Amino acid sequence: MDDVALMRALHVLAIVHWIGGLGFVTLVVLPLAAAEGRLALFEIVERRFSAQVRLSVPVAGLTGLWMAWRLDLWESFVDPASWWLAAMAGLWLVFMLILFVVEPRLQARFAGLVRARPDAALRIVTFAHWGLLALAAVTAFGVVGGVHGLFAR
């Protein structure tokens, strides 16, 4: 079995779960929660998805790191034509920080905001999710375009 192909398949599977879930929460769950005035719906879905994505994001990072090592891609990370590699690593780092540093530290404070001002909490969460989804979409476009030579010199 080709080890690079296996790692690439695991990498893509982890990213499909992670970014697909982000898209679902942003485009389906949050508008439904806003329309129904039910922030609790978002919190239930987010709690379940957050537990899952705490696995898929590290898997994406580990498989990506392994491929960078195995294929000796280190110089490509600083090549302007391969900007999408740095964007991919940057997006991963942002999500790792959110999942394992920011969320745990702000959880109690956010719960207080939900109780005191649920509409404000929903606006903040919606804004953050749209920003993250936009960043993920630009990165995904860049990665697919980059892999297929769109940004070649």
N, C-alpha and C. Protein backbone atom coordinates (compact mmCIF):
# COMPACT_ATOMS: atom_id res chain seq x y z
N MET A 1 0.85 -1.18 0.00
CA MET A 1 0.00 0.00 0.00
C MET A 1 0.89 1.24 0.00
N ASP A 2 0.50 2.24 -0.75
CA ASP A 2 1.23 3.50 -0.83
C ASP A 2 0.94 4.32 0.43
N ASP A 3 1.96 4.53 1.24
CA ASP A 3 1.77 5.23 2.51
C ASP A 3 1.33 6.68 2.33
N VAL A 4 1.81 7.35 1.29
CA VAL A 4 1.41 8.73 1.04
C VAL A 4 -0.07 8.79 0.66
N ALA A 5 -0.51 7.87 -0.16
CA ALA A 5 -1.93 7.83 -0.55
C ALA A 5 -2.82 7.59 0.66
N LEU A 6 -2.39 6.71 1.56
CA LEU A 6 -3.17 6.44 2.77
C LEU A 6 -3.26 7.70 3.63
N MET A 7 -2.14 8.37 3.84
CA MET A 7 -2.14 9.59 4.66
C MET A 7 -2.97 10.68 4.01
N ARG A 8 -2.88 10.81 2.68
CA ARG A 8 -3.67 11.82 1.98
C ARG A 8 -5.15 11.52 2.12
N ALA A 9 -5.54 10.26 2.02
CA ALA A 9 -6.95 9.89 2.17
C ALA A 9 -7.45 10.20 3.58
N LEU A 10 -6.66 9.87 4.59
CA LEU A 10 -7.03 10.19 5.98
C LEU A 10 -7.09 11.70 6.20
N HIS A 11 -6.16 12.42 5.59
CA HIS A 11 -6.11 13.87 5.69
C HIS A 11 -7.39 14.49 5.11
N VAL A 12 -7.74 14.07 3.91
CA VAL A 12 -8.95 14.61 3.26
C VAL A 12 -10.20 14.22 4.04
N LEU A 13 -10.28 13.00 4.52
CA LEU A 13 -11.43 12.56 5.31
C LEU A 13 -11.59 13.43 6.56
N ALA A 14 -10.50 13.69 7.26
CA ALA A 14 -10.56 14.53 8.46
C ALA A 14 -11.02 15.94 8.12
N ILE A 15 -10.53 16.47 7.02
CA ILE A 15 -10.90 17.84 6.62
C ILE A 15 -12.34 17.91 6.16
N VAL A 16 -12.81 16.90 5.44
CA VAL A 16 -14.22 16.88 5.02
C VAL A 16 -15.12 16.91 6.25
N HIS A 17 -14.78 16.13 7.27
CA HIS A 17 -15.58 16.11 8.50
C HIS A 17 -15.54 17.47 9.18
N TRP A 18 -14.34 18.02 9.34
CA TRP A 18 -14.13 19.28 10.05
C TRP A 18 -14.80 20.45 9.34
N ILE A 19 -14.46 20.68 8.07
CA ILE A 19 -14.98 21.85 7.36
C ILE A 19 -16.43 21.62 6.95
N GLY A 20 -16.79 20.39 6.63
CA GLY A 20 -18.20 20.10 6.33
C GLY A 20 -19.09 20.37 7.53
N GLY A 21 -18.62 19.97 8.71
CA GLY A 21 -19.38 20.25 9.93
C GLY A 21 -19.48 21.73 10.21
N LEU A 22 -18.39 22.46 9.98
CA LEU A 22 -18.41 23.91 10.15
C LEU A 22 -19.44 24.53 9.21
N GLY A 23 -19.47 24.06 7.98
CA GLY A 23 -20.45 24.56 7.01
C GLY A 23 -21.87 24.26 7.44
N PHE A 24 -22.12 23.05 7.92
CA PHE A 24 -23.46 22.66 8.37
C PHE A 24 -23.91 23.53 9.54
N VAL A 25 -23.04 23.70 10.51
CA VAL A 25 -23.40 24.53 11.68
C VAL A 25 -23.67 25.97 11.25
N THR A 26 -22.80 26.51 10.38
CA THR A 26 -22.92 27.90 9.97
C THR A 26 -24.15 28.14 9.08
N LEU A 27 -24.36 27.25 8.12
CA LEU A 27 -25.39 27.49 7.11
C LEU A 27 -26.75 26.90 7.43
N VAL A 28 -26.81 25.95 8.37
CA VAL A 28 -28.09 25.30 8.68
C VAL A 28 -28.49 25.52 10.14
N VAL A 29 -27.62 25.14 11.06
CA VAL A 29 -27.97 25.17 12.48
C VAL A 29 -28.15 26.59 13.00
N LEU A 30 -27.19 27.46 12.71
CA LEU A 30 -27.29 28.84 13.24
C LEU A 30 -28.50 29.60 12.69
N PRO A 31 -28.78 29.55 11.39
CA PRO A 31 -30.00 30.22 10.91
C PRO A 31 -31.28 29.62 11.52
N LEU A 32 -31.30 28.33 11.71
CA LEU A 32 -32.47 27.69 12.33
C LEU A 32 -32.60 28.13 13.78
N ALA A 33 -31.49 28.17 14.49
CA ALA A 33 -31.51 28.61 15.88
C ALA A 33 -31.98 30.07 15.97
N ALA A 34 -31.53 30.91 15.04
CA ALA A 34 -31.93 32.32 15.04
C ALA A 34 -33.42 32.46 14.72
N ALA A 35 -33.90 31.72 13.73
CA ALA A 35 -35.31 31.81 13.33
C ALA A 35 -36.24 31.32 14.43
N GLU A 36 -35.81 30.32 15.13
CA GLU A 36 -36.64 29.72 16.17
C GLU A 36 -36.40 30.37 17.54
N GLY A 37 -35.39 31.24 17.60
CA GLY A 37 -35.06 31.84 18.89
C GLY A 37 -34.58 30.80 19.89
N ARG A 38 -33.89 29.79 19.38
CA ARG A 38 -33.47 28.67 20.23
C ARG A 38 -31.96 28.51 20.20
N LEU A 39 -31.29 29.29 20.96
CA LEU A 39 -29.84 29.17 21.07
C LEU A 39 -29.47 27.81 21.65
N ALA A 40 -30.35 27.22 22.39
CA ALA A 40 -30.10 25.89 22.97
C ALA A 40 -29.85 24.86 21.87
N LEU A 41 -30.56 24.99 20.73
CA LEU A 41 -30.34 24.07 19.61
C LEU A 41 -28.89 24.15 19.14
N PHE A 42 -28.40 25.36 18.96
CA PHE A 42 -27.01 25.55 18.55
C PHE A 42 -26.06 24.92 19.57
N GLU A 43 -26.31 25.17 20.84
CA GLU A 43 -25.42 24.68 21.89
C GLU A 43 -25.36 23.15 21.89
N ILE A 44 -26.49 22.49 21.68
CA ILE A 44 -26.52 21.02 21.65
C ILE A 44 -25.71 20.49 20.47
N VAL A 45 -25.96 21.07 19.29
CA VAL A 45 -25.26 20.61 18.09
C VAL A 45 -23.77 20.91 18.21
N GLU A 46 -23.44 22.11 18.65
CA GLU A 46 -22.04 22.52 18.77
C GLU A 46 -21.28 21.64 19.76
N ARG A 47 -21.91 21.30 20.86
CA ARG A 47 -21.26 20.45 21.87
C ARG A 47 -20.92 19.08 21.27
N ARG A 48 -21.87 18.52 20.54
CA ARG A 48 -21.62 17.19 19.94
C ARG A 48 -20.58 17.27 18.84
N PHE A 49 -20.69 18.32 18.01
CA PHE A 49 -19.74 18.45 16.91
C PHE A 49 -18.35 18.79 17.44
N SER A 50 -18.27 19.63 18.44
CA SER A 50 -16.99 20.02 19.01
C SER A 50 -16.23 18.79 19.52
N ALA A 51 -16.94 17.88 20.14
CA ALA A 51 -16.30 16.65 20.63
C ALA A 51 -15.72 15.83 19.47
N GLN A 52 -16.43 15.80 18.36
CA GLN A 52 -15.96 15.05 17.19
C GLN A 52 -14.78 15.74 16.51
N VAL A 53 -14.91 17.06 16.36
CA VAL A 53 -13.88 17.79 15.63
C VAL A 53 -12.58 17.87 16.43
N ARG A 54 -12.66 17.64 17.75
CA ARG A 54 -11.44 17.56 18.55
C ARG A 54 -10.61 16.34 18.17
N LEU A 55 -11.17 15.46 17.39
CA LEU A 55 -10.43 14.34 16.83
C LEU A 55 -10.01 14.62 15.39
N SER A 56 -10.95 15.11 14.56
CA SER A 56 -10.64 15.28 13.14
C SER A 56 -9.60 16.38 12.88
N VAL A 57 -9.60 17.46 13.66
CA VAL A 57 -8.60 18.53 13.43
C VAL A 57 -7.19 18.02 13.76
N PRO A 58 -6.96 17.37 14.91
CA PRO A 58 -5.62 16.81 15.13
C PRO A 58 -5.21 15.76 14.09
N VAL A 59 -6.16 14.94 13.63
CA VAL A 59 -5.83 13.95 12.59
C VAL A 59 -5.40 14.67 11.32
N ALA A 60 -6.11 15.74 10.95
CA ALA A 60 -5.72 16.52 9.77
C ALA A 60 -4.30 17.07 9.93
N GLY A 61 -4.01 17.58 11.11
CA GLY A 61 -2.68 18.14 11.35
C GLY A 61 -1.59 17.09 11.34
N LEU A 62 -1.83 15.97 11.99
CA LEU A 62 -0.82 14.91 12.04
C LEU A 62 -0.55 14.31 10.67
N THR A 63 -1.61 14.07 9.90
CA THR A 63 -1.41 13.51 8.56
C THR A 63 -0.74 14.53 7.64
N GLY A 64 -1.10 15.81 7.80
CA GLY A 64 -0.46 16.85 7.00
C GLY A 64 1.02 16.98 7.33
N LEU A 65 1.34 16.94 8.61
CA LEU A 65 2.74 16.99 9.04
C LEU A 65 3.51 15.78 8.51
N TRP A 66 2.90 14.63 8.59
CA TRP A 66 3.54 13.42 8.10
C TRP A 66 3.83 13.53 6.61
N MET A 67 2.84 14.03 5.83
CA MET A 67 3.06 14.18 4.38
C MET A 67 4.14 15.22 4.09
N ALA A 68 4.16 16.32 4.85
CA ALA A 68 5.20 17.33 4.64
C ALA A 68 6.58 16.73 4.89
N TRP A 69 6.68 15.90 5.94
CA TRP A 69 7.95 15.24 6.24
C TRP A 69 8.30 14.21 5.17
N ARG A 70 7.33 13.36 4.85
CA ARG A 70 7.57 12.25 3.91
C ARG A 70 7.91 12.74 2.50
N LEU A 71 7.25 13.83 2.08
CA LEU A 71 7.46 14.36 0.73
C LEU A 71 8.48 15.51 0.71
N ASP A 72 9.04 15.82 1.88
CA ASP A 72 10.03 16.89 2.03
C ASP A 72 9.53 18.20 1.41
N LEU A 73 8.41 18.66 1.93
CA LEU A 73 7.76 19.85 1.40
C LEU A 73 8.12 21.14 2.14
N TRP A 74 9.08 21.11 3.03
CA TRP A 74 9.36 22.24 3.91
C TRP A 74 9.63 23.53 3.14
N GLU A 75 10.42 23.48 2.09
CA GLU A 75 10.72 24.70 1.32
C GLU A 75 9.48 25.26 0.63
N SER A 76 8.55 24.40 0.31
CA SER A 76 7.32 24.85 -0.36
C SER A 76 6.48 25.77 0.54
N PHE A 77 6.63 25.63 1.84
CA PHE A 77 5.84 26.45 2.76
C PHE A 77 6.22 27.93 2.70
N VAL A 78 7.42 28.23 2.22
CA VAL A 78 7.84 29.63 2.10
C VAL A 78 7.87 30.12 0.65
N ASP A 79 7.49 29.28 -0.28
CA ASP A 79 7.44 29.65 -1.70
C ASP A 79 6.12 30.39 -1.94
N PRO A 80 6.18 31.64 -2.43
CA PRO A 80 4.94 32.40 -2.66
C PRO A 80 3.94 31.69 -3.58
N ALA A 81 4.41 30.90 -4.52
CA ALA A 81 3.51 30.18 -5.42
C ALA A 81 2.76 29.07 -4.69
N SER A 82 3.28 28.65 -3.55
CA SER A 82 2.62 27.61 -2.75
C SER A 82 2.01 28.21 -1.49
N TRP A 83 1.51 29.43 -1.59
CA TRP A 83 0.92 30.13 -0.44
C TRP A 83 -0.15 29.29 0.24
N TRP A 84 -0.81 28.46 -0.53
CA TRP A 84 -1.91 27.66 -0.03
C TRP A 84 -1.45 26.64 1.01
N LEU A 85 -0.20 26.19 0.95
CA LEU A 85 0.31 25.28 1.99
C LEU A 85 0.38 26.00 3.33
N ALA A 86 0.90 27.22 3.32
CA ALA A 86 0.96 28.00 4.56
C ALA A 86 -0.45 28.36 5.04
N ALA A 87 -1.35 28.64 4.10
CA ALA A 87 -2.74 28.94 4.47
C ALA A 87 -3.39 27.73 5.14
N MET A 88 -3.12 26.55 4.60
CA MET A 88 -3.67 25.33 5.17
C MET A 88 -3.15 25.11 6.60
N ALA A 89 -1.86 25.29 6.78
CA ALA A 89 -1.27 25.12 8.11
C ALA A 89 -1.79 26.21 9.06
N GLY A 90 -1.93 27.42 8.55
CA GLY A 90 -2.46 28.51 9.37
C GLY A 90 -3.89 28.28 9.81
N LEU A 91 -4.73 27.80 8.89
CA LEU A 91 -6.11 27.49 9.23
C LEU A 91 -6.16 26.41 10.30
N TRP A 92 -5.34 25.40 10.14
CA TRP A 92 -5.27 24.32 11.14
C TRP A 92 -4.88 24.88 12.50
N LEU A 93 -3.88 25.75 12.52
CA LEU A 93 -3.43 26.33 13.78
C LEU A 93 -4.53 27.17 14.43
N VAL A 94 -5.24 27.95 13.65
CA VAL A 94 -6.36 28.74 14.18
C VAL A 94 -7.38 27.83 14.86
N PHE A 95 -7.75 26.75 14.20
CA PHE A 95 -8.75 25.84 14.77
C PHE A 95 -8.22 25.10 16.00
N MET A 96 -6.96 24.72 15.97
CA MET A 96 -6.39 24.07 17.16
C MET A 96 -6.46 25.02 18.35
N LEU A 97 -6.10 26.27 18.13
CA LEU A 97 -6.16 27.26 19.21
C LEU A 97 -7.58 27.47 19.70
N ILE A 98 -8.52 27.57 18.77
CA ILE A 98 -9.92 27.76 19.16
C ILE A 98 -10.41 26.56 19.97
N LEU A 99 -10.18 25.37 19.47
CA LEU A 99 -10.71 24.16 20.10
C LEU A 99 -10.07 23.83 21.45
N PHE A 100 -8.76 24.04 21.54
CA PHE A 100 -8.07 23.56 22.72
C PHE A 100 -7.59 24.66 23.68
N VAL A 101 -7.70 25.93 23.27
CA VAL A 101 -7.27 27.02 24.15
C VAL A 101 -8.42 28.01 24.38
N VAL A 102 -8.94 28.60 23.32
CA VAL A 102 -9.93 29.67 23.44
C VAL A 102 -11.26 29.16 23.99
N GLU A 103 -11.83 28.13 23.35
CA GLU A 103 -13.14 27.62 23.81
C GLU A 103 -13.13 27.22 25.28
N PRO A 104 -12.18 26.41 25.71
CA PRO A 104 -12.21 26.02 27.13
C PRO A 104 -12.10 27.22 28.08
N ARG A 105 -11.32 28.22 27.70
CA ARG A 105 -11.15 29.39 28.58
C ARG A 105 -12.36 30.31 28.59
N LEU A 106 -13.10 30.36 27.49
CA LEU A 106 -14.24 31.28 27.40
C LEU A 106 -15.59 30.62 27.66
N GLN A 107 -15.60 29.33 27.88
CA GLN A 107 -16.85 28.59 28.02
C GLN A 107 -17.75 29.15 29.12
N ALA A 108 -17.23 29.39 30.29
CA ALA A 108 -18.05 29.90 31.40
C ALA A 108 -18.55 31.31 31.12
N ARG A 109 -17.67 32.15 30.57
CA ARG A 109 -18.06 33.52 30.25
C ARG A 109 -19.16 33.53 29.18
N PHE A 110 -19.03 32.67 28.17
CA PHE A 110 -20.03 32.61 27.11
C PHE A 110 -21.36 32.11 27.66
N ALA A 111 -21.33 31.15 28.56
CA ALA A 111 -22.57 30.65 29.18
C ALA A 111 -23.29 31.77 29.91
N GLY A 112 -22.54 32.64 30.56
CA GLY A 112 -23.14 33.79 31.23
C GLY A 112 -23.77 34.75 30.23
N LEU A 113 -23.12 34.97 29.09
CA LEU A 113 -23.67 35.83 28.05
C LEU A 113 -24.94 35.23 27.47
N VAL A 114 -24.95 33.91 27.29
CA VAL A 114 -26.14 33.23 26.77
C VAL A 114 -27.33 33.46 27.70
N ARG A 115 -27.09 33.36 29.00
CA ARG A 115 -28.19 33.58 29.96
C ARG A 115 -28.64 35.04 29.99
N ALA A 116 -27.68 35.96 29.96
CA ALA A 116 -28.01 37.38 30.10
C ALA A 116 -28.52 38.00 28.80
N ARG A 117 -27.87 37.67 27.69
CA ARG A 117 -28.20 38.30 26.41
C ARG A 117 -28.10 37.28 25.28
N PRO A 118 -29.07 36.37 25.16
CA PRO A 118 -28.97 35.31 24.16
C PRO A 118 -28.86 35.82 22.72
N ASP A 119 -29.54 36.93 22.40
CA ASP A 119 -29.44 37.45 21.04
C ASP A 119 -28.03 37.92 20.71
N ALA A 120 -27.38 38.57 21.67
CA ALA A 120 -26.00 39.02 21.46
C ALA A 120 -25.07 37.82 21.32
N ALA A 121 -25.28 36.80 22.13
CA ALA A 121 -24.45 35.59 22.04
C ALA A 121 -24.59 34.93 20.67
N LEU A 122 -25.82 34.87 20.18
CA LEU A 122 -26.07 34.27 18.86
C LEU A 122 -25.41 35.09 17.76
N ARG A 123 -25.45 36.41 17.85
CA ARG A 123 -24.80 37.26 16.85
C ARG A 123 -23.29 37.04 16.85
N ILE A 124 -22.69 36.96 18.02
CA ILE A 124 -21.24 36.75 18.11
C ILE A 124 -20.85 35.41 17.51
N VAL A 125 -21.58 34.38 17.88
CA VAL A 125 -21.29 33.03 17.37
C VAL A 125 -21.48 32.97 15.86
N THR A 126 -22.53 33.59 15.37
CA THR A 126 -22.80 33.58 13.93
C THR A 126 -21.68 34.31 13.18
N PHE A 127 -21.29 35.48 13.66
CA PHE A 127 -20.21 36.25 13.03
C PHE A 127 -18.92 35.43 13.01
N ALA A 128 -18.58 34.81 14.12
CA ALA A 128 -17.35 34.01 14.21
C ALA A 128 -17.40 32.83 13.25
N HIS A 129 -18.53 32.13 13.20
CA HIS A 129 -18.63 30.98 12.30
C HIS A 129 -18.55 31.39 10.83
N TRP A 130 -19.19 32.49 10.46
CA TRP A 130 -19.11 32.96 9.07
C TRP A 130 -17.67 33.33 8.72
N GLY A 131 -16.96 33.97 9.63
CA GLY A 131 -15.57 34.31 9.37
C GLY A 131 -14.71 33.08 9.19
N LEU A 132 -14.89 32.11 10.06
CA LEU A 132 -14.12 30.87 9.96
C LEU A 132 -14.46 30.09 8.69
N LEU A 133 -15.75 30.07 8.33
CA LEU A 133 -16.15 29.38 7.11
C LEU A 133 -15.58 30.06 5.87
N ALA A 134 -15.57 31.39 5.85
CA ALA A 134 -14.98 32.12 4.72
C ALA A 134 -13.48 31.82 4.61
N LEU A 135 -12.80 31.83 5.74
CA LEU A 135 -11.37 31.51 5.76
C LEU A 135 -11.13 30.08 5.25
N ALA A 136 -11.96 29.16 5.68
CA ALA A 136 -11.84 27.76 5.24
C ALA A 136 -12.12 27.63 3.75
N ALA A 137 -13.10 28.37 3.24
CA ALA A 137 -13.44 28.28 1.81
C ALA A 137 -12.30 28.82 0.95
N VAL A 138 -11.72 29.95 1.33
CA VAL A 138 -10.59 30.51 0.58
C VAL A 138 -9.42 29.52 0.61
N THR A 139 -9.18 28.94 1.77
CA THR A 139 -8.09 27.98 1.90
C THR A 139 -8.34 26.75 1.04
N ALA A 140 -9.55 26.20 1.08
CA ALA A 140 -9.87 25.01 0.28
C ALA A 140 -9.72 25.31 -1.21
N PHE A 141 -10.20 26.48 -1.64
CA PHE A 141 -10.03 26.88 -3.04
C PHE A 141 -8.55 26.96 -3.39
N GLY A 142 -7.78 27.57 -2.52
CA GLY A 142 -6.34 27.69 -2.76
C GLY A 142 -5.63 26.36 -2.82
N VAL A 143 -6.00 25.46 -1.94
CA VAL A 143 -5.37 24.14 -1.92
C VAL A 143 -5.67 23.36 -3.20
N VAL A 144 -6.93 23.29 -3.57
CA VAL A 144 -7.28 22.54 -4.78
C VAL A 144 -6.67 23.21 -6.02
N GLY A 145 -6.75 24.53 -6.07
CA GLY A 145 -6.13 25.24 -7.20
C GLY A 145 -4.62 25.04 -7.21
N GLY A 146 -4.00 25.13 -6.05
CA GLY A 146 -2.56 24.97 -5.96
C GLY A 146 -2.09 23.58 -6.36
N VAL A 147 -2.78 22.57 -5.89
CA VAL A 147 -2.42 21.19 -6.22
C VAL A 147 -2.53 20.94 -7.73
N HIS A 148 -3.45 21.64 -8.37
CA HIS A 148 -3.68 21.43 -9.80
C HIS A 148 -3.00 22.50 -10.67
N GLY A 149 -2.04 23.24 -10.10
CA GLY A 149 -1.24 24.15 -10.89
C GLY A 149 -1.81 25.52 -11.19
N LEU A 150 -2.89 25.89 -10.55
CA LEU A 150 -3.53 27.17 -10.82
C LEU A 150 -2.60 28.35 -10.51
N PHE A 151 -1.74 28.21 -9.53
CA PHE A 151 -0.88 29.31 -9.10
C PHE A 151 0.58 29.11 -9.53
N ALA A 152 0.80 28.20 -10.45
CA ALA A 152 2.17 27.92 -10.91
C ALA A 152 2.73 29.15 -11.65
N ARG A 153 4.02 29.32 -11.52
CA ARG A 153 4.67 30.48 -12.16
C ARG A 153 4.82 30.29 -13.63
